[in-house]
Amino acid sequence: MPTTRPRHLVTETDDVAHALDDAAKRWPEDRESRGKLLLHLVEEGHHALLEETARRRAARAKAIQRTGGVLTGVYEPGYLDQLREDWPA
């Protein structure tokens, strides 16, 4: 099929073949088309990446919320300026 979009070649290694065989169990209606199964796997992988990114972002926000302000009052006013006075220009 003519297209202006980039095409990608994937060699069906043993690992890829196993993944496609498992995908055929998940999407039996497409078991005769390894290409369609590969697209399903790409879509599922992308979805998993997005979920993982969201999970990490939420965990980071939770950590910031949990630890924000815990050092309030530890350093006296002007501490940073005093510290910088010792640094070479």
N, C-alpha and C. Protein backbone atom coordinates (compact mmCIF):
# COMPACT_ATOMS: atom_id res chain seq x y z
N MET A 1 0.84 -1.17 0.00
CA MET A 1 0.00 0.00 0.00
C MET A 1 0.89 1.24 0.00
N PRO A 2 0.72 2.13 -0.96
CA PRO A 2 1.53 3.34 -1.03
C PRO A 2 1.29 4.24 0.19
N THR A 3 2.36 4.81 0.67
CA THR A 3 2.26 5.72 1.81
C THR A 3 3.46 6.65 1.82
N THR A 4 3.28 7.81 2.40
CA THR A 4 4.40 8.73 2.58
C THR A 4 4.97 8.60 3.99
N ARG A 5 4.34 7.76 4.80
CA ARG A 5 4.77 7.57 6.19
C ARG A 5 5.99 6.66 6.24
N PRO A 6 6.85 6.82 7.25
CA PRO A 6 7.99 5.91 7.38
C PRO A 6 7.52 4.48 7.65
N ARG A 7 8.25 3.54 7.14
CA ARG A 7 7.98 2.13 7.40
C ARG A 7 9.10 1.58 8.28
N HIS A 8 8.77 0.56 9.06
CA HIS A 8 9.75 -0.04 9.96
C HIS A 8 9.76 -1.55 9.75
N LEU A 9 10.94 -2.09 9.68
CA LEU A 9 11.08 -3.54 9.54
C LEU A 9 11.44 -4.13 10.89
N VAL A 10 10.78 -5.23 11.23
CA VAL A 10 11.06 -5.92 12.48
C VAL A 10 11.34 -7.38 12.15
N THR A 11 12.48 -7.86 12.58
CA THR A 11 12.81 -9.27 12.40
C THR A 11 12.10 -10.08 13.47
N GLU A 12 11.48 -11.16 13.07
CA GLU A 12 10.76 -11.99 14.04
C GLU A 12 11.74 -12.93 14.74
N THR A 13 12.39 -12.37 15.75
CA THR A 13 13.29 -13.16 16.59
C THR A 13 12.44 -14.10 17.45
N ASP A 14 13.09 -14.95 18.21
CA ASP A 14 12.34 -15.85 19.09
C ASP A 14 11.47 -15.06 20.07
N ASP A 15 12.04 -13.98 20.65
CA ASP A 15 11.28 -13.17 21.60
C ASP A 15 10.07 -12.51 20.94
N VAL A 16 10.29 -11.98 19.73
CA VAL A 16 9.19 -11.33 19.01
C VAL A 16 8.14 -12.38 18.65
N ALA A 17 8.56 -13.55 18.22
CA ALA A 17 7.62 -14.62 17.87
C ALA A 17 6.78 -15.02 19.09
N HIS A 18 7.41 -15.13 20.25
CA HIS A 18 6.65 -15.48 21.47
C HIS A 18 5.66 -14.38 21.81
N ALA A 19 6.08 -13.13 21.68
CA ALA A 19 5.18 -12.02 21.96
C ALA A 19 3.99 -12.04 21.00
N LEU A 20 4.25 -12.31 19.73
CA LEU A 20 3.17 -12.37 18.75
C LEU A 20 2.25 -13.56 19.00
N ASP A 21 2.82 -14.69 19.42
CA ASP A 21 1.99 -15.85 19.75
C ASP A 21 1.07 -15.53 20.94
N ASP A 22 1.61 -14.85 21.94
CA ASP A 22 0.79 -14.45 23.09
C ASP A 22 -0.26 -13.44 22.67
N ALA A 23 0.11 -12.53 21.77
CA ALA A 23 -0.85 -11.53 21.29
C ALA A 23 -1.99 -12.21 20.53
N ALA A 24 -1.69 -13.28 19.81
CA ALA A 24 -2.73 -14.01 19.07
C ALA A 24 -3.76 -14.62 20.02
N LYS A 25 -3.33 -14.96 21.22
CA LYS A 25 -4.27 -15.47 22.24
C LYS A 25 -5.15 -14.33 22.76
N ARG A 26 -4.57 -13.16 22.86
CA ARG A 26 -5.30 -11.98 23.38
C ARG A 26 -6.25 -11.42 22.33
N TRP A 27 -5.82 -11.43 21.07
CA TRP A 27 -6.62 -10.89 19.96
C TRP A 27 -6.80 -11.98 18.90
N PRO A 28 -7.60 -13.01 19.20
CA PRO A 28 -7.74 -14.14 18.27
C PRO A 28 -8.31 -13.74 16.90
N GLU A 29 -9.07 -12.65 16.84
CA GLU A 29 -9.63 -12.21 15.57
C GLU A 29 -8.53 -11.76 14.60
N ASP A 30 -7.35 -11.45 15.11
CA ASP A 30 -6.23 -11.01 14.27
C ASP A 30 -5.09 -12.02 14.23
N ARG A 31 -5.35 -13.25 14.66
CA ARG A 31 -4.26 -14.24 14.77
C ARG A 31 -3.62 -14.57 13.43
N GLU A 32 -4.33 -14.32 12.33
CA GLU A 32 -3.77 -14.62 11.00
C GLU A 32 -2.90 -13.49 10.46
N SER A 33 -2.86 -12.36 11.17
CA SER A 33 -2.09 -11.21 10.70
C SER A 33 -1.05 -10.81 11.75
N ARG A 34 0.18 -11.24 11.53
CA ARG A 34 1.26 -10.91 12.47
C ARG A 34 1.45 -9.39 12.54
N GLY A 35 1.22 -8.70 11.43
CA GLY A 35 1.35 -7.24 11.39
C GLY A 35 0.34 -6.56 12.32
N LYS A 36 -0.91 -7.02 12.27
CA LYS A 36 -1.93 -6.44 13.15
C LYS A 36 -1.61 -6.75 14.61
N LEU A 37 -1.13 -7.97 14.86
CA LEU A 37 -0.77 -8.32 16.24
C LEU A 37 0.37 -7.42 16.73
N LEU A 38 1.32 -7.14 15.85
CA LEU A 38 2.43 -6.26 16.22
C LEU A 38 1.91 -4.87 16.55
N LEU A 39 0.96 -4.37 15.77
CA LEU A 39 0.36 -3.06 16.07
C LEU A 39 -0.36 -3.07 17.42
N HIS A 40 -1.06 -4.16 17.71
CA HIS A 40 -1.70 -4.27 19.03
C HIS A 40 -0.65 -4.18 20.14
N LEU A 41 0.45 -4.89 19.96
CA LEU A 41 1.51 -4.87 20.97
C LEU A 41 2.11 -3.48 21.13
N VAL A 42 2.29 -2.77 20.02
CA VAL A 42 2.82 -1.40 20.08
C VAL A 42 1.85 -0.51 20.84
N GLU A 43 0.56 -0.62 20.53
CA GLU A 43 -0.45 0.20 21.22
C GLU A 43 -0.48 -0.12 22.72
N GLU A 44 -0.44 -1.39 23.06
CA GLU A 44 -0.44 -1.79 24.48
C GLU A 44 0.82 -1.31 25.19
N GLY A 45 1.96 -1.42 24.50
CA GLY A 45 3.21 -0.94 25.08
C GLY A 45 3.18 0.55 25.31
N HIS A 46 2.64 1.28 24.37
CA HIS A 46 2.53 2.73 24.52
C HIS A 46 1.63 3.08 25.69
N HIS A 47 0.51 2.38 25.78
CA HIS A 47 -0.41 2.60 26.91
C HIS A 47 0.29 2.33 28.24
N ALA A 48 1.06 1.25 28.29
CA ALA A 48 1.79 0.92 29.53
C ALA A 48 2.81 2.00 29.88
N LEU A 49 3.49 2.54 28.87
CA LEU A 49 4.45 3.63 29.12
C LEU A 49 3.76 4.86 29.68
N LEU A 50 2.62 5.21 29.11
CA LEU A 50 1.88 6.37 29.60
C LEU A 50 1.42 6.18 31.04
N GLU A 51 0.94 4.98 31.34
CA GLU A 51 0.52 4.69 32.72
C GLU A 51 1.69 4.77 33.69
N GLU A 52 2.83 4.22 33.30
CA GLU A 52 4.02 4.25 34.15
C GLU A 52 4.49 5.68 34.38
N THR A 53 4.46 6.49 33.33
CA THR A 53 4.84 7.89 33.45
C THR A 53 3.91 8.62 34.42
N ALA A 54 2.62 8.38 34.31
CA ALA A 54 1.65 9.01 35.21
C ALA A 54 1.86 8.53 36.64
N ARG A 55 2.14 7.24 36.82
CA ARG A 55 2.37 6.70 38.16
C ARG A 55 3.61 7.33 38.80
N ARG A 56 4.68 7.46 38.02
CA ARG A 56 5.90 8.07 38.55
C ARG A 56 5.70 9.54 38.88
N ARG A 57 4.97 10.23 38.01
CA ARG A 57 4.69 11.65 38.26
C ARG A 57 3.88 11.83 39.54
N ALA A 58 2.89 10.98 39.74
CA ALA A 58 2.06 11.05 40.95
C ALA A 58 2.89 10.72 42.19
N ALA A 59 3.77 9.73 42.09
CA ALA A 59 4.63 9.37 43.22
C ALA A 59 5.58 10.51 43.57
N ARG A 60 6.12 11.17 42.53
CA ARG A 60 7.01 12.30 42.76
C ARG A 60 6.27 13.46 43.42
N ALA A 61 5.07 13.74 42.94
CA ALA A 61 4.26 14.82 43.54
C ALA A 61 3.92 14.49 44.99
N LYS A 62 3.61 13.23 45.26
CA LYS A 62 3.30 12.81 46.63
C LYS A 62 4.52 12.98 47.54
N ALA A 63 5.70 12.63 47.04
CA ALA A 63 6.92 12.78 47.82
C ALA A 63 7.21 14.25 48.10
N ILE A 64 6.99 15.08 47.10
CA ILE A 64 7.21 16.52 47.30
C ILE A 64 6.23 17.05 48.34
N GLN A 65 4.98 16.63 48.22
CA GLN A 65 3.96 17.08 49.18
C GLN A 65 4.30 16.60 50.60
N ARG A 66 4.78 15.36 50.70
CA ARG A 66 5.08 14.77 52.00
C ARG A 66 6.30 15.42 52.67
N THR A 67 7.29 15.82 51.85
CA THR A 67 8.54 16.33 52.43
C THR A 67 8.67 17.84 52.36
N GLY A 68 7.77 18.49 51.65
CA GLY A 68 7.85 19.94 51.53
C GLY A 68 7.78 20.63 52.89
N GLY A 69 8.75 21.49 53.17
CA GLY A 69 8.75 22.27 54.39
C GLY A 69 9.35 21.59 55.61
N VAL A 70 9.85 20.36 55.47
CA VAL A 70 10.37 19.65 56.64
C VAL A 70 11.63 20.30 57.20
N LEU A 71 12.32 21.10 56.42
CA LEU A 71 13.54 21.75 56.91
C LEU A 71 13.32 23.22 57.26
N THR A 72 12.05 23.62 57.29
CA THR A 72 11.74 25.00 57.65
C THR A 72 12.30 25.31 59.04
N GLY A 73 13.06 26.39 59.14
CA GLY A 73 13.61 26.81 60.42
C GLY A 73 14.95 26.18 60.77
N VAL A 74 15.44 25.27 59.96
CA VAL A 74 16.72 24.62 60.25
C VAL A 74 17.87 25.59 60.02
N TYR A 75 17.78 26.40 58.99
CA TYR A 75 18.84 27.34 58.68
C TYR A 75 18.40 28.74 59.08
N GLU A 76 19.29 29.45 59.75
CA GLU A 76 18.95 30.80 60.20
C GLU A 76 18.92 31.76 59.01
N PRO A 77 18.19 32.86 59.13
CA PRO A 77 18.14 33.84 58.04
C PRO A 77 19.55 34.32 57.68
N GLY A 78 19.83 34.44 56.40
CA GLY A 78 21.13 34.90 55.93
C GLY A 78 22.18 33.80 55.81
N TYR A 79 21.82 32.56 56.13
CA TYR A 79 22.77 31.45 56.11
C TYR A 79 23.40 31.30 54.72
N LEU A 80 22.59 31.34 53.69
CA LEU A 80 23.10 31.15 52.34
C LEU A 80 24.05 32.28 51.95
N ASP A 81 23.72 33.51 52.31
CA ASP A 81 24.61 34.63 52.00
C ASP A 81 25.95 34.47 52.72
N GLN A 82 25.93 34.03 53.98
CA GLN A 82 27.17 33.81 54.74
C GLN A 82 27.98 32.71 54.09
N LEU A 83 27.34 31.68 53.66
CA LEU A 83 28.04 30.58 53.02
C LEU A 83 28.71 31.03 51.71
N ARG A 84 28.03 31.85 50.96
CA ARG A 84 28.56 32.33 49.69
C ARG A 84 29.73 33.28 49.88
N GLU A 85 29.83 33.94 51.02
CA GLU A 85 30.96 34.82 51.27
C GLU A 85 32.28 34.09 51.24
N ASP A 86 32.27 32.81 51.57
CA ASP A 86 33.49 32.00 51.58
C ASP A 86 33.88 31.49 50.20
N TRP A 87 33.00 31.62 49.24
CA TRP A 87 33.27 31.11 47.90
C TRP A 87 34.14 32.11 47.14
N PRO A 88 35.08 31.59 46.35
CA PRO A 88 35.87 32.50 45.51
C PRO A 88 34.99 33.11 44.42
N ALA A 89 35.31 34.34 44.05
CA ALA A 89 34.50 35.06 43.04
C ALA A 89 34.68 34.50 41.66
